[in-house]
Amino acid sequence: MFYNEVPKPTWFRYGGHLDNPDKTLYSFTHADQEQALIFGIDTTTPEGREEFKKEWEAICQMAPELLSKEDKVYPHE
């Protein structure tokens, strides 16, 4: 984000609520520096883990220079 850029928060990125916009959007210490990969899959269930694994492997095939199969970590862990 550039110094003069106005942040445009999204409902999805902040989980439906933004408690303290000044701290979250303008602080380099507390702000979200990068958006995590989100597939919309519940990985706490065995079916969700299998679906997440399939999606992860598909992304690894599409962009092997960015991600590898060994880097997989379930979002709930």
PDB file of N, CA and C in Angstrom:
ATOM      1  N   MET A   1       0.840  -1.172   0.000  1.00  0.00           N
ATOM      2  CA  MET A   1       0.000   0.000   0.000  1.00  0.00           C
ATOM      3  C   MET A   1       0.888   1.240   0.000  1.00  0.00           C
ATOM      4  N   PHE A   2       0.553   2.179  -0.843  1.00  0.00           N
ATOM      5  CA  PHE A   2       1.315   3.412  -0.929  1.00  0.00           C
ATOM      6  C   PHE A   2       0.914   4.365   0.199  1.00  0.00           C
ATOM      7  N   TYR A   3       1.765   5.327   0.501  1.00  0.00           N
ATOM      8  CA  TYR A   3       1.513   6.218   1.634  1.00  0.00           C
ATOM      9  C   TYR A   3       0.257   7.048   1.462  1.00  0.00           C
ATOM     10  N   ASN A   4      -0.144   7.340   0.230  1.00  0.00           N
ATOM     11  CA  ASN A   4      -1.317   8.180   0.010  1.00  0.00           C
ATOM     12  C   ASN A   4      -2.529   7.379  -0.457  1.00  0.00           C
ATOM     13  N   GLU A   5      -2.443   6.058  -0.420  1.00  0.00           N
ATOM     14  CA  GLU A   5      -3.538   5.213  -0.864  1.00  0.00           C
ATOM     15  C   GLU A   5      -4.593   5.083   0.234  1.00  0.00           C
ATOM     16  N   VAL A   6      -5.830   5.152  -0.161  1.00  0.00           N
ATOM     17  CA  VAL A   6      -6.934   5.004   0.782  1.00  0.00           C
ATOM     18  C   VAL A   6      -7.299   3.524   0.831  1.00  0.00           C
ATOM     19  N   PRO A   7      -7.231   2.906   2.012  1.00  0.00           N
ATOM     20  CA  PRO A   7      -7.550   1.481   2.089  1.00  0.00           C
ATOM     21  C   PRO A   7      -9.028   1.218   1.835  1.00  0.00           C
ATOM     22  N   LYS A   8      -9.291   0.092   1.162  1.00  0.00           N
ATOM     23  CA  LYS A   8     -10.664  -0.311   0.883  1.00  0.00           C
ATOM     24  C   LYS A   8     -10.871  -1.694   1.493  1.00  0.00           C
ATOM     25  N   PRO A   9     -11.268  -1.759   2.754  1.00  0.00           N
ATOM     26  CA  PRO A   9     -11.442  -3.064   3.408  1.00  0.00           C
ATOM     27  C   PRO A   9     -12.600  -3.842   2.789  1.00  0.00           C
ATOM     28  N   THR A  10     -12.456  -5.155   2.779  1.00  0.00           N
ATOM     29  CA  THR A  10     -13.520  -6.007   2.271  1.00  0.00           C
ATOM     30  C   THR A  10     -14.105  -6.825   3.415  1.00  0.00           C
ATOM     31  N   TRP A  11     -15.361  -7.197   3.264  1.00  0.00           N
ATOM     32  CA  TRP A  11     -16.045  -7.982   4.285  1.00  0.00           C
ATOM     33  C   TRP A  11     -15.367  -9.332   4.443  1.00  0.00           C
ATOM     34  N   PHE A  12     -14.964  -9.962   3.341  1.00  0.00           N
ATOM     35  CA  PHE A  12     -14.390 -11.296   3.374  1.00  0.00           C
ATOM     36  C   PHE A  12     -13.027 -11.320   4.051  1.00  0.00           C
ATOM     37  N   ARG A  13     -12.192 -10.342   3.764  1.00  0.00           N
ATOM     38  CA  ARG A  13     -10.834 -10.333   4.309  1.00  0.00           C
ATOM     39  C   ARG A  13     -10.804 -10.199   5.825  1.00  0.00           C
ATOM     40  N   TYR A  14     -11.706  -9.406   6.375  1.00  0.00           N
ATOM     41  CA  TYR A  14     -11.702  -9.162   7.817  1.00  0.00           C
ATOM     42  C   TYR A  14     -12.769  -9.968   8.552  1.00  0.00           C
ATOM     43  N   GLY A  15     -13.311 -10.982   7.907  1.00  0.00           N
ATOM     44  CA  GLY A  15     -14.244 -11.892   8.570  1.00  0.00           C
ATOM     45  C   GLY A  15     -15.565 -11.267   8.968  1.00  0.00           C
ATOM     46  N   GLY A  16     -15.993 -10.226   8.283  1.00  0.00           N
ATOM     47  CA  GLY A  16     -17.292  -9.629   8.560  1.00  0.00           C
ATOM     48  C   GLY A  16     -17.276  -8.511   9.585  1.00  0.00           C
ATOM     49  N   HIS A  17     -16.136  -8.237  10.202  1.00  0.00           N
ATOM     50  CA  HIS A  17     -16.076  -7.138  11.168  1.00  0.00           C
ATOM     51  C   HIS A  17     -14.682  -6.520  11.158  1.00  0.00           C
ATOM     52  N   LEU A  18     -14.651  -5.265  11.445  1.00  0.00           N
ATOM     53  CA  LEU A  18     -13.404  -4.514  11.501  1.00  0.00           C
ATOM     54  C   LEU A  18     -13.473  -3.675  12.773  1.00  0.00           C
ATOM     55  N   ASP A  19     -12.950  -4.233  13.871  1.00  0.00           N
ATOM     56  CA  ASP A  19     -13.119  -3.607  15.181  1.00  0.00           C
ATOM     57  C   ASP A  19     -12.431  -2.257  15.303  1.00  0.00           C
ATOM     58  N   ASN A  20     -11.162  -2.185  14.934  1.00  0.00           N
ATOM     59  CA  ASN A  20     -10.409  -0.949  15.062  1.00  0.00           C
ATOM     60  C   ASN A  20      -9.747  -0.627  13.720  1.00  0.00           C
ATOM     61  N   PRO A  21     -10.424   0.120  12.845  1.00  0.00           N
ATOM     62  CA  PRO A  21      -9.896   0.374  11.503  1.00  0.00           C
ATOM     63  C   PRO A  21      -8.539   1.069  11.505  1.00  0.00           C
ATOM     64  N   ASP A  22      -8.314   2.016  12.409  1.00  0.00           N
ATOM     65  CA  ASP A  22      -7.032   2.722  12.421  1.00  0.00           C
ATOM     66  C   ASP A  22      -5.879   1.772  12.715  1.00  0.00           C
ATOM     67  N   LYS A  23      -6.050   0.899  13.674  1.00  0.00           N
ATOM     68  CA  LYS A  23      -4.996  -0.041  14.042  1.00  0.00           C
ATOM     69  C   LYS A  23      -4.799  -1.097  12.944  1.00  0.00           C
ATOM     70  N   THR A  24      -5.892  -1.600  12.407  1.00  0.00           N
ATOM     71  CA  THR A  24      -5.820  -2.675  11.422  1.00  0.00           C
ATOM     72  C   THR A  24      -5.350  -2.191  10.056  1.00  0.00           C
ATOM     73  N   LEU A  25      -5.803  -1.043   9.615  1.00  0.00           N
ATOM     74  CA  LEU A  25      -5.515  -0.587   8.260  1.00  0.00           C
ATOM     75  C   LEU A  25      -4.264   0.276   8.138  1.00  0.00           C
ATOM     76  N   TYR A  26      -3.902   1.016   9.167  1.00  0.00           N
ATOM     77  CA  TYR A  26      -2.816   1.976   9.039  1.00  0.00           C
ATOM     78  C   TYR A  26      -1.560   1.625   9.828  1.00  0.00           C
ATOM     79  N   SER A  27      -1.581   0.580  10.624  1.00  0.00           N
ATOM     80  CA  SER A  27      -0.432   0.230  11.445  1.00  0.00           C
ATOM     81  C   SER A  27       0.401  -0.847  10.758  1.00  0.00           C
ATOM     82  N   PHE A  28       1.693  -0.595  10.569  1.00  0.00           N
ATOM     83  CA  PHE A  28       2.565  -1.597   9.977  1.00  0.00           C
ATOM     84  C   PHE A  28       2.828  -2.743  10.949  1.00  0.00           C
ATOM     85  N   THR A  29       2.685  -2.500  12.223  1.00  0.00           N
ATOM     86  CA  THR A  29       2.905  -3.551  13.217  1.00  0.00           C
ATOM     87  C   THR A  29       1.730  -4.511  13.288  1.00  0.00           C
ATOM     88  N   HIS A  30       0.495  -3.993  13.242  1.00  0.00           N
ATOM     89  CA  HIS A  30      -0.689  -4.814  13.444  1.00  0.00           C
ATOM     90  C   HIS A  30      -1.466  -5.114  12.169  1.00  0.00           C
ATOM     91  N   ALA A  31      -1.159  -4.461  11.072  1.00  0.00           N
ATOM     92  CA  ALA A  31      -1.931  -4.646   9.841  1.00  0.00           C
ATOM     93  C   ALA A  31      -1.666  -6.006   9.208  1.00  0.00           C
ATOM     94  N   ASP A  32      -2.614  -6.464   8.436  1.00  0.00           N
ATOM     95  CA  ASP A  32      -2.493  -7.722   7.707  1.00  0.00           C
ATOM     96  C   ASP A  32      -1.585  -7.465   6.509  1.00  0.00           C
ATOM     97  N   GLN A  33      -0.395  -8.010   6.526  1.00  0.00           N
ATOM     98  CA  GLN A  33       0.585  -7.717   5.486  1.00  0.00           C
ATOM     99  C   GLN A  33       0.349  -8.492   4.199  1.00  0.00           C
ATOM    100  N   GLU A  34      -0.207  -9.662   4.292  1.00  0.00           N
ATOM    101  CA  GLU A  34      -0.532 -10.432   3.098  1.00  0.00           C
ATOM    102  C   GLU A  34      -1.792 -11.246   3.351  1.00  0.00           C
ATOM    103  N   GLN A  35      -2.543 -11.456   2.289  1.00  0.00           N
ATOM    104  CA  GLN A  35      -3.777 -12.202   2.421  1.00  0.00           C
ATOM    105  C   GLN A  35      -3.480 -13.684   2.273  1.00  0.00           C
ATOM    106  N   ALA A  36      -3.967 -14.459   3.201  1.00  0.00           N
ATOM    107  CA  ALA A  36      -3.749 -15.896   3.159  1.00  0.00           C
ATOM    108  C   ALA A  36      -4.589 -16.537   2.068  1.00  0.00           C
ATOM    109  N   LEU A  37      -4.158 -17.710   1.617  1.00  0.00           N
ATOM    110  CA  LEU A  37      -4.942 -18.456   0.653  1.00  0.00           C
ATOM    111  C   LEU A  37      -6.176 -19.007   1.347  1.00  0.00           C
ATOM    112  N   ILE A  38      -7.328 -18.706   0.784  1.00  0.00           N
ATOM    113  CA  ILE A  38      -8.581 -19.157   1.378  1.00  0.00           C
ATOM    114  C   ILE A  38      -9.385 -19.855   0.282  1.00  0.00           C
ATOM    115  N   PHE A  39      -9.731 -21.085   0.511  1.00  0.00           N
ATOM    116  CA  PHE A  39     -10.525 -21.834  -0.457  1.00  0.00           C
ATOM    117  C   PHE A  39     -11.983 -21.940  -0.027  1.00  0.00           C
ATOM    118  N   GLY A  40     -12.310 -21.502   1.152  1.00  0.00           N
ATOM    119  CA  GLY A  40     -13.671 -21.633   1.650  1.00  0.00           C
ATOM    120  C   GLY A  40     -14.006 -23.058   2.040  1.00  0.00           C
ATOM    121  N   ILE A  41     -13.022 -23.798   2.550  1.00  0.00           N
ATOM    122  CA  ILE A  41     -13.197 -25.196   2.896  1.00  0.00           C
ATOM    123  C   ILE A  41     -12.975 -25.364   4.401  1.00  0.00           C
ATOM    124  N   ASP A  42     -13.876 -26.109   5.047  1.00  0.00           N
ATOM    125  CA  ASP A  42     -13.735 -26.400   6.471  1.00  0.00           C
ATOM    126  C   ASP A  42     -12.775 -27.571   6.630  1.00  0.00           C
ATOM    127  N   THR A  43     -11.555 -27.302   7.074  1.00  0.00           N
ATOM    128  CA  THR A  43     -10.526 -28.342   7.171  1.00  0.00           C
ATOM    129  C   THR A  43     -10.540 -29.081   8.502  1.00  0.00           C
ATOM    130  N   THR A  44     -11.539 -28.823   9.334  1.00  0.00           N
ATOM    131  CA  THR A  44     -11.628 -29.562  10.593  1.00  0.00           C
ATOM    132  C   THR A  44     -12.302 -30.922  10.401  1.00  0.00           C
ATOM    133  N   THR A  45     -12.885 -31.154   9.225  1.00  0.00           N
ATOM    134  CA  THR A  45     -13.515 -32.436   8.928  1.00  0.00           C
ATOM    135  C   THR A  45     -12.635 -33.231   7.966  1.00  0.00           C
ATOM    136  N   PRO A  46     -12.743 -34.556   7.962  1.00  0.00           N
ATOM    137  CA  PRO A  46     -11.951 -35.360   7.023  1.00  0.00           C
ATOM    138  C   PRO A  46     -12.260 -35.040   5.557  1.00  0.00           C
ATOM    139  N   GLU A  47     -13.540 -34.773   5.254  1.00  0.00           N
ATOM    140  CA  GLU A  47     -13.914 -34.424   3.883  1.00  0.00           C
ATOM    141  C   GLU A  47     -13.302 -33.087   3.479  1.00  0.00           C
ATOM    142  N   GLY A  48     -13.304 -32.149   4.406  1.00  0.00           N
ATOM    143  CA  GLY A  48     -12.707 -30.843   4.126  1.00  0.00           C
ATOM    144  C   GLY A  48     -11.204 -30.930   3.925  1.00  0.00           C
ATOM    145  N   ARG A  49     -10.537 -31.755   4.712  1.00  0.00           N
ATOM    146  CA  ARG A  49      -9.089 -31.935   4.547  1.00  0.00           C
ATOM    147  C   ARG A  49      -8.769 -32.524   3.180  1.00  0.00           C
ATOM    148  N   GLU A  50      -9.567 -33.493   2.747  1.00  0.00           N
ATOM    149  CA  GLU A  50      -9.338 -34.103   1.433  1.00  0.00           C
ATOM    150  C   GLU A  50      -9.554 -33.080   0.314  1.00  0.00           C
ATOM    151  N   GLU A  51     -10.625 -32.286   0.436  1.00  0.00           N
ATOM    152  CA  GLU A  51     -10.890 -31.248  -0.569  1.00  0.00           C
ATOM    153  C   GLU A  51      -9.782 -30.197  -0.579  1.00  0.00           C
ATOM    154  N   PHE A  52      -9.315 -29.791   0.605  1.00  0.00           N
ATOM    155  CA  PHE A  52      -8.228 -28.823   0.694  1.00  0.00           C
ATOM    156  C   PHE A  52      -6.956 -29.387   0.058  1.00  0.00           C
ATOM    157  N   LYS A  53      -6.697 -30.660   0.301  1.00  0.00           N
ATOM    158  CA  LYS A  53      -5.515 -31.305  -0.272  1.00  0.00           C
ATOM    159  C   LYS A  53      -5.580 -31.290  -1.798  1.00  0.00           C
ATOM    160  N   LYS A  54      -6.767 -31.585  -2.365  1.00  0.00           N
ATOM    161  CA  LYS A  54      -6.930 -31.551  -3.824  1.00  0.00           C
ATOM    162  C   LYS A  54      -6.679 -30.148  -4.378  1.00  0.00           C
ATOM    163  N   GLU A  55      -7.261 -29.137  -3.723  1.00  0.00           N
ATOM    164  CA  GLU A  55      -7.070 -27.755  -4.171  1.00  0.00           C
ATOM    165  C   GLU A  55      -5.609 -27.338  -4.066  1.00  0.00           C
ATOM    166  N   TRP A  56      -4.949 -27.717  -2.977  1.00  0.00           N
ATOM    167  CA  TRP A  56      -3.543 -27.370  -2.775  1.00  0.00           C
ATOM    168  C   TRP A  56      -2.675 -27.994  -3.868  1.00  0.00           C
ATOM    169  N   GLU A  57      -2.929 -29.268  -4.180  1.00  0.00           N
ATOM    170  CA  GLU A  57      -2.149 -29.944  -5.221  1.00  0.00           C
ATOM    171  C   GLU A  57      -2.393 -29.314  -6.590  1.00  0.00           C
ATOM    172  N   ALA A  58      -3.619 -28.879  -6.853  1.00  0.00           N
ATOM    173  CA  ALA A  58      -3.919 -28.205  -8.120  1.00  0.00           C
ATOM    174  C   ALA A  58      -3.150 -26.894  -8.235  1.00  0.00           C
ATOM    175  N   ILE A  59      -3.098 -26.129  -7.160  1.00  0.00           N
ATOM    176  CA  ILE A  59      -2.356 -24.863  -7.188  1.00  0.00           C
ATOM    177  C   ILE A  59      -0.858 -25.123  -7.334  1.00  0.00           C
ATOM    178  N   CYS A  60      -0.371 -26.169  -6.680  1.00  0.00           N
ATOM    179  CA  CYS A  60       1.052 -26.510  -6.800  1.00  0.00           C
ATOM    180  C   CYS A  60       1.418 -26.889  -8.227  1.00  0.00           C
ATOM    181  N   GLN A  61       0.502 -27.520  -8.945  1.00  0.00           N
ATOM    182  CA  GLN A  61       0.756 -27.846 -10.343  1.00  0.00           C
ATOM    183  C   GLN A  61       0.723 -26.609 -11.219  1.00  0.00           C
ATOM    184  N   MET A  62      -0.158 -25.662 -10.894  1.00  0.00           N
ATOM    185  CA  MET A  62      -0.268 -24.439 -11.694  1.00  0.00           C
ATOM    186  C   MET A  62       0.897 -23.488 -11.470  1.00  0.00           C
ATOM    187  N   ALA A  63       1.380 -23.415 -10.239  1.00  0.00           N
ATOM    188  CA  ALA A  63       2.453 -22.469  -9.904  1.00  0.00           C
ATOM    189  C   ALA A  63       3.500 -23.151  -9.028  1.00  0.00           C
ATOM    190  N   PRO A  64       4.293 -24.082  -9.591  1.00  0.00           N
ATOM    191  CA  PRO A  64       5.271 -24.802  -8.775  1.00  0.00           C
ATOM    192  C   PRO A  64       6.396 -23.918  -8.251  1.00  0.00           C
ATOM    193  N   GLU A  65       6.623 -22.783  -8.881  1.00  0.00           N
ATOM    194  CA  GLU A  65       7.673 -21.890  -8.401  1.00  0.00           C
ATOM    195  C   GLU A  65       7.250 -21.115  -7.156  1.00  0.00           C
ATOM    196  N   LEU A  66       5.953 -21.070  -6.873  1.00  0.00           N
ATOM    197  CA  LEU A  66       5.451 -20.340  -5.706  1.00  0.00           C
ATOM    198  C   LEU A  66       5.165 -21.253  -4.516  1.00  0.00           C
ATOM    199  N   LEU A  67       4.602 -22.423  -4.784  1.00  0.00           N
ATOM    200  CA  LEU A  67       4.185 -23.326  -3.718  1.00  0.00           C
ATOM    201  C   LEU A  67       4.661 -24.740  -4.003  1.00  0.00           C
ATOM    202  N   SER A  68       4.897 -25.473  -2.938  1.00  0.00           N
ATOM    203  CA  SER A  68       5.227 -26.887  -3.099  1.00  0.00           C
ATOM    204  C   SER A  68       4.290 -27.711  -2.224  1.00  0.00           C
ATOM    205  N   LYS A  69       4.153 -28.987  -2.547  1.00  0.00           N
ATOM    206  CA  LYS A  69       3.254 -29.862  -1.793  1.00  0.00           C
ATOM    207  C   LYS A  69       3.696 -30.003  -0.345  1.00  0.00           C
ATOM    208  N   GLU A  70       4.993 -29.869  -0.085  1.00  0.00           N
ATOM    209  CA  GLU A  70       5.511 -30.002   1.280  1.00  0.00           C
ATOM    210  C   GLU A  70       5.150 -28.813   2.165  1.00  0.00           C
ATOM    211  N   ASP A  71       4.784 -27.681   1.577  1.00  0.00           N
ATOM    212  CA  ASP A  71       4.461 -26.469   2.339  1.00  0.00           C
ATOM    213  C   ASP A  71       3.016 -26.446   2.852  1.00  0.00           C
ATOM    214  N   LYS A  72       2.252 -27.484   2.574  1.00  0.00           N
ATOM    215  CA  LYS A  72       0.836 -27.500   2.926  1.00  0.00           C
ATOM    216  C   LYS A  72       0.637 -27.469   4.442  1.00  0.00           C
ATOM    217  N   VAL A  73      -0.162 -26.534   4.898  1.00  0.00           N
ATOM    218  CA  VAL A  73      -0.577 -26.441   6.293  1.00  0.00           C
ATOM    219  C   VAL A  73      -2.066 -26.134   6.277  1.00  0.00           C
ATOM    220  N   TYR A  74      -2.816 -26.905   7.039  1.00  0.00           N
ATOM    221  CA  TYR A  74      -4.258 -26.664   7.082  1.00  0.00           C
ATOM    222  C   TYR A  74      -4.544 -25.353   7.806  1.00  0.00           C
ATOM    223  N   PRO A  75      -5.513 -24.567   7.322  1.00  0.00           N
ATOM    224  CA  PRO A  75      -5.778 -23.250   7.915  1.00  0.00           C
ATOM    225  C   PRO A  75      -6.134 -23.281   9.398  1.00  0.00           C
ATOM    226  N   HIS A  76      -6.769 -24.339   9.870  1.00  0.00           N
ATOM    227  CA  HIS A  76      -7.179 -24.372  11.275  1.00  0.00           C
ATOM    228  C   HIS A  76      -6.043 -24.758  12.207  1.00  0.00           C
ATOM    229  N   GLU A  77      -4.884 -25.147  11.683  1.00  0.00           N
ATOM    230  CA  GLU A  77      -3.759 -25.562  12.538  1.00  0.00           C
ATOM    231  C   GLU A  77      -2.856 -24.391  12.868  1.00  0.00           C
TER     232      GLU A  77
END
